[in-house]
């Protein structure tokens, strides 16, 4: 399984949790870069061979925290005030 995360130019990503049962040396958890439509992204790749059960969670941290807050903030609808009564 490969899960695409943030763009490499916007954030860095790391493992925050690893679990499951490792049965062989062939079970792997990796954070790597992938290209999609001309952009480089961080990706979490987890692979497990038969009889193996491996889980992993990764988290990304934005380089510019203020820009990240603006992206994540819900957009407010503009309200119009009527004149008079």
N, C-alpha and C. Protein backbone atom coordinates (compact mmCIF):
# COMPACT_ATOMS: atom_id res chain seq x y z
N UNK A 1 0.84 -1.16 0.00
CA UNK A 1 0.00 0.00 0.00
C UNK A 1 0.89 1.24 0.00
N UNK A 2 0.55 2.22 -0.84
CA UNK A 2 1.26 3.49 -0.88
C UNK A 2 0.25 4.60 -0.67
N UNK A 3 0.51 5.46 0.31
CA UNK A 3 -0.37 6.59 0.58
C UNK A 3 0.39 7.88 0.33
N UNK A 4 -0.11 8.69 -0.62
CA UNK A 4 0.52 9.97 -0.94
C UNK A 4 0.16 10.99 0.13
N UNK A 5 1.15 11.78 0.56
CA UNK A 5 0.94 12.77 1.61
C UNK A 5 1.23 14.17 1.06
N UNK A 6 1.88 15.03 1.80
CA UNK A 6 2.14 16.42 1.41
C UNK A 6 3.23 16.52 0.35
N UNK A 7 3.24 17.67 -0.35
CA UNK A 7 4.31 17.92 -1.32
C UNK A 7 5.62 18.15 -0.57
N UNK A 8 6.72 17.67 -1.15
CA UNK A 8 8.02 17.78 -0.49
C UNK A 8 8.46 19.23 -0.33
N UNK A 9 8.01 20.12 -1.20
CA UNK A 9 8.42 21.53 -1.08
C UNK A 9 7.64 22.25 0.03
N UNK A 10 6.53 21.67 0.50
CA UNK A 10 5.70 22.31 1.50
C UNK A 10 5.89 21.78 2.92
N UNK A 11 6.37 20.53 3.06
CA UNK A 11 6.40 19.90 4.38
C UNK A 11 7.44 18.79 4.44
N UNK A 12 7.72 18.35 5.66
CA UNK A 12 8.50 17.12 5.83
C UNK A 12 7.65 16.14 6.62
N UNK A 13 7.85 14.86 6.39
CA UNK A 13 7.01 13.83 7.01
C UNK A 13 7.87 12.78 7.70
N UNK A 14 7.32 12.20 8.75
CA UNK A 14 8.02 11.16 9.50
C UNK A 14 7.06 10.17 10.12
N UNK A 15 7.59 9.03 10.51
CA UNK A 15 6.77 8.00 11.15
C UNK A 15 6.43 8.42 12.57
N UNK A 16 5.17 8.20 12.96
CA UNK A 16 4.77 8.49 14.34
C UNK A 16 4.31 7.23 15.07
N UNK A 17 3.96 6.19 14.31
CA UNK A 17 3.54 4.94 14.95
C UNK A 17 3.79 3.76 14.02
N UNK A 18 4.33 2.70 14.59
CA UNK A 18 4.56 1.46 13.86
C UNK A 18 4.02 0.33 14.71
N UNK A 19 3.32 -0.61 14.09
CA UNK A 19 2.75 -1.70 14.87
C UNK A 19 2.54 -2.95 14.04
N UNK A 20 1.91 -3.93 14.65
CA UNK A 20 1.63 -5.19 13.98
C UNK A 20 2.61 -6.28 14.37
N UNK A 21 2.63 -7.31 13.55
CA UNK A 21 3.54 -8.44 13.77
C UNK A 21 4.47 -8.57 12.58
N UNK A 22 5.73 -8.47 12.85
CA UNK A 22 6.72 -8.67 11.80
C UNK A 22 7.09 -10.14 11.79
N UNK A 23 6.83 -10.79 10.66
CA UNK A 23 7.08 -12.23 10.60
C UNK A 23 8.38 -12.58 9.88
N UNK A 24 8.80 -11.72 8.95
CA UNK A 24 10.04 -12.00 8.21
C UNK A 24 10.80 -10.70 7.99
N UNK A 25 11.97 -10.81 7.46
CA UNK A 25 12.75 -9.64 7.11
C UNK A 25 12.23 -8.95 5.86
N UNK A 26 11.16 -9.49 5.27
CA UNK A 26 10.60 -8.92 4.05
C UNK A 26 9.49 -7.89 4.34
N UNK A 27 9.08 -7.74 5.59
CA UNK A 27 8.10 -6.72 5.96
C UNK A 27 8.80 -5.37 5.97
N UNK A 28 8.18 -4.36 5.31
CA UNK A 28 8.85 -3.06 5.18
C UNK A 28 7.91 -1.90 5.42
N UNK A 29 8.46 -0.84 6.00
CA UNK A 29 7.77 0.44 6.16
C UNK A 29 8.75 1.50 5.68
N UNK A 30 8.31 2.31 4.71
CA UNK A 30 9.20 3.33 4.16
C UNK A 30 8.46 4.64 3.92
N UNK A 31 9.16 5.73 4.10
CA UNK A 31 8.68 7.03 3.63
C UNK A 31 9.59 7.39 2.46
N UNK A 32 8.98 7.65 1.31
CA UNK A 32 9.74 7.93 0.11
C UNK A 32 9.09 9.07 -0.65
N UNK A 33 9.71 9.50 -1.74
CA UNK A 33 9.11 10.54 -2.57
C UNK A 33 8.58 9.91 -3.85
N UNK A 34 7.44 10.43 -4.30
CA UNK A 34 6.83 9.99 -5.55
C UNK A 34 6.48 11.22 -6.37
N UNK A 35 6.49 11.08 -7.68
CA UNK A 35 6.10 12.18 -8.56
C UNK A 35 4.69 11.95 -9.06
N UNK A 36 3.88 13.02 -9.02
CA UNK A 36 2.51 12.95 -9.50
C UNK A 36 2.20 14.27 -10.19
N UNK A 37 1.91 14.21 -11.48
CA UNK A 37 1.58 15.39 -12.27
C UNK A 37 2.62 16.51 -12.13
N UNK A 38 3.89 16.13 -12.15
CA UNK A 38 4.97 17.11 -12.10
C UNK A 38 5.35 17.61 -10.72
N UNK A 39 4.71 17.12 -9.67
CA UNK A 39 5.03 17.53 -8.31
C UNK A 39 5.58 16.35 -7.52
N UNK A 40 6.53 16.63 -6.63
CA UNK A 40 7.10 15.58 -5.77
C UNK A 40 6.32 15.56 -4.45
N UNK A 41 5.89 14.39 -4.04
CA UNK A 41 5.13 14.20 -2.80
C UNK A 41 5.83 13.20 -1.90
N UNK A 42 5.64 13.35 -0.58
CA UNK A 42 6.04 12.32 0.36
C UNK A 42 5.01 11.21 0.27
N UNK A 43 5.45 9.97 0.45
CA UNK A 43 4.53 8.83 0.42
C UNK A 43 4.93 7.83 1.49
N UNK A 44 3.93 7.21 2.09
CA UNK A 44 4.14 6.15 3.07
C UNK A 44 3.87 4.83 2.38
N UNK A 45 4.85 3.94 2.40
CA UNK A 45 4.69 2.63 1.77
C UNK A 45 4.86 1.55 2.82
N UNK A 46 3.85 0.70 2.95
CA UNK A 46 3.86 -0.41 3.90
C UNK A 46 3.66 -1.69 3.10
N UNK A 47 4.56 -2.64 3.27
CA UNK A 47 4.41 -3.93 2.59
C UNK A 47 4.67 -5.05 3.58
N UNK A 48 3.87 -6.10 3.46
CA UNK A 48 3.99 -7.24 4.36
C UNK A 48 3.85 -8.51 3.55
N UNK A 49 4.70 -9.44 3.79
CA UNK A 49 4.64 -10.72 3.09
C UNK A 49 3.63 -11.64 3.79
N UNK A 50 3.30 -12.76 3.17
CA UNK A 50 2.31 -13.66 3.77
C UNK A 50 2.61 -13.96 5.23
N UNK A 51 1.59 -14.01 6.03
CA UNK A 51 1.63 -14.25 7.47
C UNK A 51 2.19 -13.07 8.25
N UNK A 52 2.40 -11.94 7.58
CA UNK A 52 2.86 -10.75 8.27
C UNK A 52 1.73 -9.74 8.36
N UNK A 53 1.73 -8.97 9.42
CA UNK A 53 0.72 -7.92 9.60
C UNK A 53 1.45 -6.70 10.16
N UNK A 54 1.63 -5.68 9.31
CA UNK A 54 2.40 -4.50 9.69
C UNK A 54 1.54 -3.27 9.45
N UNK A 55 1.55 -2.33 10.42
CA UNK A 55 0.84 -1.07 10.27
C UNK A 55 1.80 0.09 10.55
N UNK A 56 1.48 1.24 9.98
CA UNK A 56 2.32 2.43 10.21
C UNK A 56 1.47 3.68 10.02
N UNK A 57 1.81 4.72 10.77
CA UNK A 57 1.18 6.02 10.65
C UNK A 57 2.27 7.06 10.52
N UNK A 58 2.06 8.01 9.61
CA UNK A 58 3.03 9.09 9.41
C UNK A 58 2.32 10.42 9.56
N UNK A 59 3.09 11.44 9.89
CA UNK A 59 2.54 12.78 10.04
C UNK A 59 3.47 13.76 9.33
N UNK A 60 2.87 14.77 8.71
CA UNK A 60 3.64 15.80 8.03
C UNK A 60 3.57 17.10 8.81
N UNK A 61 4.66 17.84 8.79
CA UNK A 61 4.74 19.14 9.44
C UNK A 61 5.09 20.16 8.36
N UNK A 62 4.26 21.19 8.27
CA UNK A 62 4.46 22.22 7.25
C UNK A 62 5.69 23.06 7.60
N UNK A 63 6.47 23.40 6.58
CA UNK A 63 7.61 24.29 6.79
C UNK A 63 7.14 25.66 7.27
N UNK A 64 6.09 26.19 6.66
CA UNK A 64 5.53 27.50 7.01
C UNK A 64 4.22 27.28 7.75
N UNK A 65 4.24 27.37 9.06
CA UNK A 65 3.06 27.07 9.87
C UNK A 65 1.92 28.06 9.63
N UNK A 66 2.21 29.33 9.37
CA UNK A 66 1.15 30.31 9.13
C UNK A 66 0.41 30.01 7.84
N UNK A 67 1.14 29.65 6.80
CA UNK A 67 0.49 29.30 5.53
C UNK A 67 -0.35 28.04 5.69
N UNK A 68 0.12 27.10 6.50
CA UNK A 68 -0.64 25.87 6.73
C UNK A 68 -1.94 26.16 7.44
N UNK A 69 -1.92 27.07 8.40
CA UNK A 69 -3.16 27.44 9.11
C UNK A 69 -4.15 28.08 8.16
N UNK A 70 -3.68 28.91 7.24
CA UNK A 70 -4.57 29.54 6.28
C UNK A 70 -5.20 28.51 5.36
N UNK A 71 -4.43 27.50 4.94
CA UNK A 71 -4.97 26.45 4.07
C UNK A 71 -6.01 25.62 4.79
N UNK A 72 -5.79 25.36 6.06
CA UNK A 72 -6.68 24.48 6.82
C UNK A 72 -7.91 25.20 7.36
N UNK A 73 -7.85 26.53 7.45
CA UNK A 73 -8.98 27.28 8.03
C UNK A 73 -10.18 27.23 7.10
N UNK A 74 -11.36 26.99 7.67
CA UNK A 74 -12.56 26.99 6.82
C UNK A 74 -12.83 28.39 6.29
N UNK A 75 -13.25 28.45 5.05
CA UNK A 75 -13.55 29.75 4.45
C UNK A 75 -14.90 30.23 4.94
N UNK A 76 -14.93 31.48 5.32
CA UNK A 76 -16.17 32.06 5.83
C UNK A 76 -16.98 32.64 4.68
N UNK A 77 -18.27 32.44 4.76
CA UNK A 77 -19.16 33.03 3.78
C UNK A 77 -19.29 34.52 4.06
N UNK A 78 -19.32 35.30 3.01
CA UNK A 78 -19.47 36.74 3.19
C UNK A 78 -20.92 37.05 3.53
N UNK A 79 -21.10 37.91 4.49
CA UNK A 79 -22.44 38.30 4.89
C UNK A 79 -22.72 39.71 4.38
N UNK A 80 -23.90 39.89 3.86
CA UNK A 80 -24.31 41.22 3.41
C UNK A 80 -25.29 41.80 4.40
N UNK A 81 -25.09 43.05 4.68
CA UNK A 81 -25.99 43.73 5.59
C UNK A 81 -26.92 44.62 4.78
N UNK A 82 -28.17 44.53 5.07
CA UNK A 82 -29.14 45.36 4.35
C UNK A 82 -29.25 46.72 5.01
N UNK A 83 -29.41 47.71 4.18
CA UNK A 83 -29.61 49.06 4.70
C UNK A 83 -31.08 49.29 5.00
N UNK A 84 -31.29 50.07 6.01
CA UNK A 84 -32.67 50.40 6.33
C UNK A 84 -33.37 49.28 7.06
N UNK A 85 -34.67 49.31 7.05
CA UNK A 85 -35.40 48.34 7.84
C UNK A 85 -36.24 47.49 7.09
